[in-house]
C-alpha cells in the first residue's frame, strides 16, 4: 500500500492532467526516446515560447487521467516514454512545433493527440501541423476577396482605354 501522502500527490496530478485534457485546445502525445538533453531543452524552449506546456508524465497516471476525461482511445498510444504537450490557446502550435522538430530529429515520434476534445491520429496531427499560419490563411482570404474587385477595375480600365482609342480615330 502506497504512502498516503504519495497517493494524494498522484491523485492531485491525475486531477490536474484531467483538467488540462478538458481545457486544452490541442494536446499532442509524443515518444521522445533517443533525444539527448540538449535536444529536449531546445524543444521545451520552442514550446514554452509558443505558450505550450510540455511535460513527461507516467503512463499509468495518464491512463487514469484519460479515463476521467473520457478519452480512453488514447490509452493504446500510452506505451514507452511519453511526453505530452498541452496548449489552451492555440490549436495548431503544439502540432506545428513538434512536427517541425520531428522532421529535424528522427528520434521524436508523434503518437496521437486531442484536438478540441476529439482524439486524433498521428496523421491528423501532422496534417494540422502543415496548415498555414493564421496570418497566412488571412492573407489568402484577403487575396480571394480582392480578386473580383481587381478584375472589375482592370475591365473598366480596358474599356476606358478602348473608348479613348475609338475617340482618337
N, C-alpha and C. Protein backbone atom coordinates (compact mmCIF):
# COMPACT_ATOMS: atom_id res chain seq x y z
N UNK A 1 0.85 -1.18 0.00
CA UNK A 1 0.00 0.00 0.00
C UNK A 1 0.89 1.23 0.00
N UNK A 2 0.66 2.14 -0.97
CA UNK A 2 1.50 3.35 -1.02
C UNK A 2 1.22 4.27 0.15
N UNK A 3 2.20 5.05 0.41
CA UNK A 3 2.10 6.07 1.45
C UNK A 3 0.93 7.00 1.12
N UNK A 4 0.18 7.42 2.14
CA UNK A 4 -0.99 8.26 1.94
C UNK A 4 -0.62 9.59 1.27
N UNK A 5 0.51 10.13 1.63
CA UNK A 5 0.96 11.40 1.06
C UNK A 5 1.28 11.24 -0.43
N UNK A 6 1.97 10.15 -0.77
CA UNK A 6 2.30 9.87 -2.17
C UNK A 6 1.03 9.64 -2.97
N UNK A 7 0.10 8.89 -2.42
CA UNK A 7 -1.17 8.61 -3.08
C UNK A 7 -1.94 9.91 -3.33
N UNK A 8 -1.93 10.79 -2.36
CA UNK A 8 -2.61 12.08 -2.51
C UNK A 8 -1.96 12.91 -3.61
N UNK A 9 -0.64 12.89 -3.69
CA UNK A 9 0.07 13.63 -4.73
C UNK A 9 -0.28 13.09 -6.11
N UNK A 10 -0.33 11.77 -6.22
CA UNK A 10 -0.67 11.15 -7.51
C UNK A 10 -2.11 11.48 -7.91
N UNK A 11 -3.02 11.45 -6.94
CA UNK A 11 -4.41 11.79 -7.24
C UNK A 11 -4.53 13.25 -7.68
N UNK A 12 -3.77 14.11 -7.04
CA UNK A 12 -3.78 15.52 -7.41
C UNK A 12 -3.23 15.70 -8.83
N UNK A 13 -2.16 14.97 -9.17
CA UNK A 13 -1.58 15.06 -10.50
C UNK A 13 -2.58 14.56 -11.55
N UNK A 14 -3.26 13.46 -11.27
CA UNK A 14 -4.26 12.93 -12.20
C UNK A 14 -5.37 13.96 -12.40
N UNK A 15 -5.81 14.61 -11.34
CA UNK A 15 -6.86 15.63 -11.44
C UNK A 15 -6.37 16.81 -12.29
N UNK A 16 -5.12 17.23 -12.11
CA UNK A 16 -4.57 18.34 -12.90
C UNK A 16 -4.48 17.97 -14.38
N UNK A 17 -4.01 16.76 -14.68
CA UNK A 17 -3.87 16.33 -16.07
C UNK A 17 -5.26 16.18 -16.70
N UNK A 18 -6.22 15.69 -15.94
CA UNK A 18 -7.59 15.58 -16.45
C UNK A 18 -8.12 16.96 -16.83
N UNK A 19 -7.91 17.94 -15.97
CA UNK A 19 -8.33 19.31 -16.27
C UNK A 19 -7.63 19.85 -17.51
N UNK A 20 -6.35 19.54 -17.66
CA UNK A 20 -5.60 20.00 -18.83
C UNK A 20 -6.17 19.38 -20.11
N UNK A 21 -6.51 18.09 -20.04
CA UNK A 21 -7.13 17.43 -21.21
C UNK A 21 -8.43 18.13 -21.57
N UNK A 22 -9.23 18.46 -20.59
CA UNK A 22 -10.53 19.08 -20.84
C UNK A 22 -10.41 20.52 -21.33
N UNK A 23 -9.42 21.26 -20.81
CA UNK A 23 -9.29 22.68 -21.11
C UNK A 23 -8.47 22.98 -22.35
N UNK A 24 -7.65 22.05 -22.79
CA UNK A 24 -6.71 22.36 -23.87
C UNK A 24 -7.40 22.36 -25.23
N UNK A 25 -6.96 23.28 -26.08
CA UNK A 25 -7.44 23.34 -27.46
C UNK A 25 -6.77 22.23 -28.27
N UNK A 26 -5.52 21.94 -27.91
CA UNK A 26 -4.77 20.88 -28.61
C UNK A 26 -3.80 20.22 -27.64
N UNK A 27 -3.76 18.91 -27.69
CA UNK A 27 -2.83 18.12 -26.90
C UNK A 27 -2.15 17.15 -27.84
N UNK A 28 -0.83 17.07 -27.75
CA UNK A 28 -0.09 16.15 -28.61
C UNK A 28 0.75 15.23 -27.73
N UNK A 29 0.69 13.93 -28.04
CA UNK A 29 1.45 12.93 -27.30
C UNK A 29 2.58 12.44 -28.20
N UNK A 30 3.80 12.41 -27.65
CA UNK A 30 4.96 12.03 -28.46
C UNK A 30 5.87 11.10 -27.69
N UNK A 31 6.66 10.34 -28.44
CA UNK A 31 7.70 9.48 -27.89
C UNK A 31 9.02 10.21 -28.09
N UNK A 32 9.72 10.49 -27.01
CA UNK A 32 10.95 11.27 -27.08
C UNK A 32 12.19 10.41 -26.90
N UNK A 33 12.04 9.10 -26.94
CA UNK A 33 13.16 8.17 -26.71
C UNK A 33 14.27 8.43 -27.73
N UNK A 34 15.47 8.62 -27.25
CA UNK A 34 16.62 8.82 -28.12
C UNK A 34 17.07 10.27 -28.21
N UNK A 35 16.27 11.20 -27.72
CA UNK A 35 16.68 12.61 -27.73
C UNK A 35 17.66 12.85 -26.59
N UNK A 36 18.68 13.65 -26.86
CA UNK A 36 19.61 13.98 -25.79
C UNK A 36 19.11 15.21 -25.03
N UNK A 37 19.80 15.56 -23.97
CA UNK A 37 19.37 16.65 -23.10
C UNK A 37 19.29 17.97 -23.86
N UNK A 38 20.27 18.23 -24.72
CA UNK A 38 20.29 19.49 -25.47
C UNK A 38 19.08 19.58 -26.41
N UNK A 39 18.72 18.47 -27.04
CA UNK A 39 17.58 18.46 -27.95
C UNK A 39 16.27 18.67 -27.18
N UNK A 40 16.12 18.00 -26.05
CA UNK A 40 14.91 18.16 -25.25
C UNK A 40 14.81 19.60 -24.73
N UNK A 41 15.93 20.17 -24.34
CA UNK A 41 15.95 21.55 -23.86
C UNK A 41 15.52 22.51 -24.97
N UNK A 42 16.03 22.29 -26.17
CA UNK A 42 15.65 23.13 -27.31
C UNK A 42 14.15 23.00 -27.60
N UNK A 43 13.65 21.76 -27.57
CA UNK A 43 12.23 21.53 -27.81
C UNK A 43 11.37 22.22 -26.75
N UNK A 44 11.74 22.07 -25.50
CA UNK A 44 10.99 22.72 -24.41
C UNK A 44 11.00 24.25 -24.58
N UNK A 45 12.14 24.80 -24.99
CA UNK A 45 12.25 26.25 -25.19
C UNK A 45 11.30 26.71 -26.30
N UNK A 46 11.30 25.98 -27.42
CA UNK A 46 10.42 26.33 -28.54
C UNK A 46 8.95 26.27 -28.13
N UNK A 47 8.59 25.24 -27.39
CA UNK A 47 7.20 25.09 -26.95
C UNK A 47 6.82 26.16 -25.93
N UNK A 48 7.72 26.44 -25.01
CA UNK A 48 7.45 27.45 -23.98
C UNK A 48 7.22 28.82 -24.62
N UNK A 49 8.02 29.16 -25.64
CA UNK A 49 7.87 30.44 -26.33
C UNK A 49 6.51 30.56 -27.00
N UNK A 50 5.93 29.44 -27.40
CA UNK A 50 4.62 29.44 -28.05
C UNK A 50 3.48 29.30 -27.04
N UNK A 51 3.81 29.25 -25.75
CA UNK A 51 2.78 29.14 -24.72
C UNK A 51 2.24 27.73 -24.57
N UNK A 52 3.06 26.74 -24.92
CA UNK A 52 2.65 25.34 -24.84
C UNK A 52 3.34 24.70 -23.64
N UNK A 53 2.58 23.99 -22.82
CA UNK A 53 3.13 23.28 -21.66
C UNK A 53 3.55 21.89 -22.10
N UNK A 54 4.79 21.52 -21.80
CA UNK A 54 5.35 20.24 -22.22
C UNK A 54 5.88 19.52 -21.00
N UNK A 55 5.45 18.28 -20.80
CA UNK A 55 5.93 17.54 -19.64
C UNK A 55 5.94 16.04 -19.93
N UNK A 56 6.66 15.33 -19.08
CA UNK A 56 6.73 13.87 -19.14
C UNK A 56 5.96 13.36 -17.94
N UNK A 57 4.98 12.52 -18.20
CA UNK A 57 4.11 12.01 -17.14
C UNK A 57 4.05 10.49 -17.27
N UNK A 58 4.02 9.80 -16.16
CA UNK A 58 3.94 8.34 -16.19
C UNK A 58 2.67 7.90 -16.91
N UNK A 59 2.81 6.83 -17.69
CA UNK A 59 1.67 6.32 -18.47
C UNK A 59 0.50 5.88 -17.59
N UNK A 60 0.80 5.33 -16.42
CA UNK A 60 -0.29 4.89 -15.55
C UNK A 60 -1.12 6.08 -15.09
N UNK A 61 -0.46 7.18 -14.78
CA UNK A 61 -1.19 8.39 -14.37
C UNK A 61 -1.96 8.97 -15.55
N UNK A 62 -1.35 8.92 -16.75
CA UNK A 62 -2.04 9.41 -17.93
C UNK A 62 -3.29 8.58 -18.25
N UNK A 63 -3.18 7.27 -18.07
CA UNK A 63 -4.35 6.40 -18.33
C UNK A 63 -5.50 6.74 -17.38
N UNK A 64 -5.17 7.01 -16.12
CA UNK A 64 -6.22 7.40 -15.17
C UNK A 64 -6.83 8.74 -15.57
N UNK A 65 -5.99 9.65 -16.03
CA UNK A 65 -6.50 10.97 -16.46
C UNK A 65 -7.36 10.84 -17.72
N UNK A 66 -6.94 9.98 -18.66
CA UNK A 66 -7.75 9.82 -19.87
C UNK A 66 -9.09 9.17 -19.54
N UNK A 67 -9.10 8.28 -18.57
CA UNK A 67 -10.36 7.67 -18.14
C UNK A 67 -11.28 8.73 -17.53
N UNK A 68 -10.72 9.62 -16.71
CA UNK A 68 -11.52 10.68 -16.09
C UNK A 68 -12.02 11.68 -17.11
N UNK A 69 -11.20 11.93 -18.14
CA UNK A 69 -11.57 12.91 -19.17
C UNK A 69 -12.35 12.26 -20.32
N UNK A 70 -12.62 10.97 -20.21
CA UNK A 70 -13.36 10.20 -21.22
C UNK A 70 -12.64 10.23 -22.57
N UNK A 71 -11.34 10.01 -22.53
CA UNK A 71 -10.51 9.97 -23.74
C UNK A 71 -9.72 8.65 -23.78
N UNK A 72 -10.39 7.56 -23.47
CA UNK A 72 -9.71 6.27 -23.34
C UNK A 72 -9.14 5.77 -24.67
N UNK A 73 -9.53 6.36 -25.81
CA UNK A 73 -8.95 5.94 -27.09
C UNK A 73 -7.44 6.24 -27.13
N UNK A 74 -6.99 7.14 -26.28
CA UNK A 74 -5.55 7.48 -26.22
C UNK A 74 -4.73 6.39 -25.55
N UNK A 75 -5.36 5.53 -24.76
CA UNK A 75 -4.62 4.55 -23.96
C UNK A 75 -3.72 3.65 -24.79
N UNK A 76 -4.13 3.32 -26.01
CA UNK A 76 -3.30 2.45 -26.85
C UNK A 76 -1.98 3.12 -27.25
N UNK A 77 -1.91 4.44 -27.17
CA UNK A 77 -0.70 5.18 -27.52
C UNK A 77 0.19 5.45 -26.31
N UNK A 78 -0.27 5.10 -25.14
CA UNK A 78 0.47 5.38 -23.91
C UNK A 78 1.37 4.21 -23.54
N UNK A 79 2.37 3.99 -24.39
CA UNK A 79 3.37 2.95 -24.14
C UNK A 79 4.74 3.58 -24.33
N UNK A 80 5.71 3.09 -23.61
CA UNK A 80 7.06 3.63 -23.71
C UNK A 80 7.14 5.03 -23.12
N UNK A 81 8.26 5.69 -23.32
CA UNK A 81 8.41 7.05 -22.80
C UNK A 81 7.41 7.99 -23.48
N UNK A 82 6.64 8.69 -22.70
CA UNK A 82 5.59 9.54 -23.25
C UNK A 82 5.76 10.97 -22.76
N UNK A 83 5.83 11.88 -23.72
CA UNK A 83 5.84 13.31 -23.43
C UNK A 83 4.53 13.86 -23.95
N UNK A 84 4.01 14.87 -23.28
CA UNK A 84 2.71 15.41 -23.66
C UNK A 84 2.78 16.93 -23.68
N UNK A 85 2.20 17.51 -24.72
CA UNK A 85 2.20 18.96 -24.89
C UNK A 85 0.76 19.46 -24.88
N UNK A 86 0.47 20.40 -23.99
CA UNK A 86 -0.87 20.98 -23.86
C UNK A 86 -0.83 22.44 -24.30
N UNK A 87 -1.83 22.85 -25.07
CA UNK A 87 -1.98 24.26 -25.42
C UNK A 87 -3.44 24.66 -25.23
N UNK A 88 -3.66 25.65 -24.38
CA UNK A 88 -5.03 26.11 -24.12
C UNK A 88 -5.51 27.10 -25.16
N UNK A 89 -4.59 27.86 -25.76
CA UNK A 89 -4.99 28.93 -26.65
C UNK A 89 -4.93 28.55 -28.13
N UNK A 90 -3.81 28.04 -28.56
CA UNK A 90 -3.56 27.78 -29.98
C UNK A 90 -3.73 26.30 -30.29
N UNK A 91 -4.65 25.99 -31.19
CA UNK A 91 -4.91 24.59 -31.52
C UNK A 91 -3.89 24.02 -32.49
N UNK A 92 -3.03 24.86 -33.04
CA UNK A 92 -2.08 24.40 -34.04
C UNK A 92 -0.64 24.38 -33.51
N UNK A 93 -0.33 25.24 -32.54
CA UNK A 93 1.06 25.41 -32.09
C UNK A 93 1.75 24.12 -31.67
N UNK A 94 1.18 23.30 -30.78
CA UNK A 94 1.92 22.09 -30.38
C UNK A 94 2.17 21.15 -31.55
N UNK A 95 1.18 20.99 -32.41
CA UNK A 95 1.34 20.10 -33.56
C UNK A 95 2.41 20.63 -34.49
N UNK A 96 2.40 21.92 -34.76
CA UNK A 96 3.35 22.54 -35.69
C UNK A 96 4.78 22.44 -35.15
N UNK A 97 4.96 22.80 -33.89
CA UNK A 97 6.32 22.80 -33.30
C UNK A 97 6.86 21.37 -33.21
N UNK A 98 6.05 20.44 -32.71
CA UNK A 98 6.52 19.05 -32.58
C UNK A 98 6.78 18.42 -33.95
N UNK A 99 5.94 18.74 -34.93
CA UNK A 99 6.14 18.19 -36.27
C UNK A 99 7.42 18.73 -36.89
N UNK A 100 7.68 20.03 -36.76
CA UNK A 100 8.91 20.61 -37.29
C UNK A 100 10.13 20.00 -36.59
N UNK A 101 10.03 19.82 -35.28
CA UNK A 101 11.15 19.24 -34.53
C UNK A 101 11.36 17.79 -34.94
N UNK A 102 10.28 17.06 -35.18
CA UNK A 102 10.39 15.65 -35.58
C UNK A 102 11.03 15.51 -36.95
N UNK A 103 10.84 16.49 -37.82
CA UNK A 103 11.47 16.45 -39.14
C UNK A 103 12.99 16.57 -39.02
N UNK A 104 13.46 17.36 -38.04
CA UNK A 104 14.90 17.55 -37.84
C UNK A 104 15.51 16.44 -36.99
N UNK A 105 14.72 15.83 -36.13
CA UNK A 105 15.20 14.80 -35.19
C UNK A 105 14.32 13.56 -35.32
N UNK A 106 14.85 12.54 -35.98
CA UNK A 106 14.04 11.34 -36.23
C UNK A 106 13.69 10.58 -34.96
N UNK A 107 14.32 10.91 -33.84
CA UNK A 107 14.03 10.21 -32.59
C UNK A 107 12.68 10.63 -31.99
N UNK A 108 12.24 11.84 -32.26
CA UNK A 108 10.94 12.28 -31.74
C UNK A 108 9.85 11.75 -32.66
N UNK A 109 8.91 11.04 -32.09
CA UNK A 109 7.81 10.45 -32.87
C UNK A 109 6.47 10.89 -32.26
N UNK A 110 5.67 11.50 -33.07
CA UNK A 110 4.33 11.91 -32.63
C UNK A 110 3.46 10.66 -32.63
N UNK A 111 2.74 10.45 -31.53
CA UNK A 111 1.91 9.26 -31.39
C UNK A 111 0.45 9.55 -31.74
N UNK A 112 -0.12 10.56 -31.13
CA UNK A 112 -1.54 10.89 -31.32
C UNK A 112 -1.79 12.24 -30.66
N UNK A 113 -3.05 12.60 -30.57
CA UNK A 113 -3.37 13.86 -29.92
C UNK A 113 -4.85 14.02 -29.67
N UNK A 114 -5.18 15.15 -29.10
CA UNK A 114 -6.57 15.52 -28.84
C UNK A 114 -6.73 16.95 -29.33
N UNK A 115 -7.68 17.16 -30.23
CA UNK A 115 -7.95 18.49 -30.75
C UNK A 115 -9.42 18.81 -30.48
N UNK A 116 -9.63 19.87 -29.69
CA UNK A 116 -10.98 20.31 -29.33
C UNK A 116 -11.81 19.16 -28.75
N UNK A 117 -11.18 18.33 -27.90
CA UNK A 117 -11.89 17.26 -27.21
C UNK A 117 -12.05 15.98 -28.01
N UNK A 118 -11.51 15.91 -29.22
CA UNK A 118 -11.63 14.72 -30.06
C UNK A 118 -10.26 14.09 -30.24
N UNK A 119 -10.17 12.78 -30.03
CA UNK A 119 -8.91 12.06 -30.20
C UNK A 119 -8.61 11.95 -31.70
N UNK A 120 -7.36 12.32 -32.07
CA UNK A 120 -6.96 12.27 -33.47
C UNK A 120 -5.67 11.47 -33.61
N UNK A 121 -5.47 10.94 -34.80
CA UNK A 121 -4.30 10.09 -35.05
C UNK A 121 -3.05 10.93 -35.35
N UNK A 122 -1.94 10.24 -35.48
CA UNK A 122 -0.68 10.88 -35.81
C UNK A 122 -0.79 11.59 -37.16
N UNK A 123 -1.43 10.97 -38.13
CA UNK A 123 -1.56 11.57 -39.46
C UNK A 123 -2.38 12.86 -39.41
N UNK A 124 -3.42 12.86 -38.59
CA UNK A 124 -4.25 14.05 -38.47
C UNK A 124 -3.48 15.18 -37.77
N UNK A 125 -2.65 14.83 -36.81
CA UNK A 125 -1.81 15.84 -36.14
C UNK A 125 -0.83 16.43 -37.15
N UNK A 126 -0.23 15.58 -37.97
CA UNK A 126 0.72 16.07 -38.97
C UNK A 126 0.01 16.94 -40.01
N UNK A 127 -1.20 16.57 -40.40
CA UNK A 127 -1.97 17.39 -41.34
C UNK A 127 -2.29 18.75 -40.73
N UNK A 128 -2.65 18.77 -39.46
CA UNK A 128 -2.91 20.02 -38.75
C UNK A 128 -1.65 20.89 -38.72
N UNK A 129 -0.51 20.26 -38.54
CA UNK A 129 0.76 20.99 -38.47
C UNK A 129 1.13 21.61 -39.81
N UNK A 130 0.67 21.02 -40.89
CA UNK A 130 1.01 21.51 -42.22
C UNK A 130 0.14 22.68 -42.67
N UNK A 131 -0.92 22.97 -41.91
CA UNK A 131 -1.78 24.10 -42.27
C UNK A 131 -0.99 25.40 -42.19
N UNK A 132 -1.31 26.35 -43.05
CA UNK A 132 -0.64 27.65 -42.94
C UNK A 132 -1.01 28.33 -41.62
N UNK A 133 -0.20 29.29 -41.24
CA UNK A 133 -0.47 30.02 -40.00
C UNK A 133 -1.74 30.85 -40.16
N UNK A 134 -2.22 31.39 -39.07
CA UNK A 134 -3.43 32.22 -39.09
C UNK A 134 -3.23 33.41 -40.02
N UNK A 135 -2.05 34.04 -39.95
CA UNK A 135 -1.76 35.18 -40.80
C UNK A 135 -1.75 34.76 -42.27
N UNK A 136 -1.20 33.59 -42.56
CA UNK A 136 -1.17 33.08 -43.94
C UNK A 136 -2.57 32.83 -44.46
N UNK A 137 -3.43 32.24 -43.62
CA UNK A 137 -4.81 32.00 -44.03
C UNK A 137 -5.55 33.31 -44.26
N UNK A 138 -5.32 34.30 -43.39
CA UNK A 138 -5.97 35.60 -43.56
C UNK A 138 -5.51 36.29 -44.85
N UNK A 139 -4.22 36.19 -45.18
CA UNK A 139 -3.74 36.81 -46.42
C UNK A 139 -4.33 36.10 -47.65
N UNK A 140 -4.50 34.77 -47.57
CA UNK A 140 -5.14 34.04 -48.67
C UNK A 140 -6.59 34.49 -48.84
N UNK A 141 -7.29 34.64 -47.73
CA UNK A 141 -8.68 35.09 -47.77
C UNK A 141 -8.77 36.50 -48.36
N UNK A 142 -7.87 37.37 -47.95
CA UNK A 142 -7.86 38.74 -48.45
C UNK A 142 -7.62 38.78 -49.95
N UNK A 143 -6.69 37.97 -50.45
CA UNK A 143 -6.43 37.96 -51.89
C UNK A 143 -7.63 37.42 -52.66
N UNK A 144 -8.33 36.43 -52.10
CA UNK A 144 -9.54 35.91 -52.75
C UNK A 144 -10.64 36.97 -52.78
N UNK A 145 -10.76 37.72 -51.68
CA UNK A 145 -11.78 38.77 -51.65
C UNK A 145 -11.44 39.93 -52.57
N UNK A 146 -10.17 40.22 -52.78
CA UNK A 146 -9.75 41.33 -53.63
C UNK A 146 -9.83 41.00 -55.11
N UNK A 147 -9.77 39.73 -55.47
CA UNK A 147 -9.70 39.34 -56.87
C UNK A 147 -10.87 39.88 -57.70
N UNK A 148 -12.12 39.76 -57.28
CA UNK A 148 -13.21 40.29 -58.12
C UNK A 148 -13.12 41.80 -58.32
N UNK A 149 -12.76 42.52 -57.28
CA UNK A 149 -12.64 43.98 -57.39
C UNK A 149 -11.50 44.33 -58.34
N UNK A 150 -10.38 43.63 -58.23
CA UNK A 150 -9.23 43.89 -59.09
C UNK A 150 -9.58 43.60 -60.55
N UNK A 151 -10.26 42.46 -60.78
CA UNK A 151 -10.65 42.11 -62.15
C UNK A 151 -11.63 43.13 -62.72
N UNK A 152 -12.57 43.61 -61.91
CA UNK A 152 -13.53 44.63 -62.35
C UNK A 152 -12.79 45.92 -62.71
N UNK A 153 -11.84 46.32 -61.88
CA UNK A 153 -11.07 47.54 -62.14
C UNK A 153 -10.29 47.40 -63.44
N UNK A 154 -9.69 46.25 -63.69
CA UNK A 154 -8.96 46.04 -64.93
C UNK A 154 -9.89 46.08 -66.14
N UNK A 155 -11.09 45.51 -66.00
CA UNK A 155 -12.06 45.54 -67.10
C UNK A 155 -12.50 46.96 -67.39
N UNK A 156 -12.76 47.75 -66.36
CA UNK A 156 -13.16 49.15 -66.54
C UNK A 156 -12.04 49.93 -67.21
N UNK A 157 -10.82 49.69 -66.81
CA UNK A 157 -9.66 50.38 -67.40
C UNK A 157 -9.52 50.00 -68.87
N UNK A 158 -9.68 48.72 -69.19
CA UNK A 158 -9.57 48.27 -70.58
C UNK A 158 -10.65 48.90 -71.44
N UNK A 159 -11.89 48.98 -70.92
CA UNK A 159 -12.98 49.60 -71.67
C UNK A 159 -12.71 51.08 -71.89
N UNK A 160 -12.23 51.76 -70.86
CA UNK A 160 -11.96 53.20 -71.00
C UNK A 160 -10.83 53.44 -71.98
N UNK A 161 -9.80 52.59 -71.99
CA UNK A 161 -8.71 52.74 -72.95
C UNK A 161 -9.21 52.48 -74.37
N UNK A 162 -10.09 51.51 -74.51
CA UNK A 162 -10.65 51.18 -75.84
C UNK A 162 -11.48 52.34 -76.33
N UNK A 163 -12.29 52.94 -75.45
CA UNK A 163 -13.11 54.08 -75.81
C UNK A 163 -12.22 55.27 -76.17
N UNK A 164 -11.12 55.45 -75.45
CA UNK A 164 -10.19 56.53 -75.74
C UNK A 164 -9.56 56.38 -77.12
N UNK A 165 -9.22 55.16 -77.52
CA UNK A 165 -8.66 54.88 -78.84
C UNK A 165 -9.70 55.12 -79.93
N UNK A 166 -10.94 54.73 -79.63
CA UNK A 166 -12.02 54.90 -80.63
C UNK A 166 -12.29 56.37 -80.87
N UNK A 167 -12.23 57.21 -79.83
CA UNK A 167 -12.48 58.63 -80.00
C UNK A 167 -11.35 59.31 -80.77
N UNK A 168 -10.12 58.85 -80.61
CA UNK A 168 -8.99 59.43 -81.32
C UNK A 168 -9.06 59.12 -82.79
N UNK A 169 -9.60 57.97 -83.12
CA UNK A 169 -9.67 57.57 -84.53
C UNK A 169 -10.80 58.22 -85.21
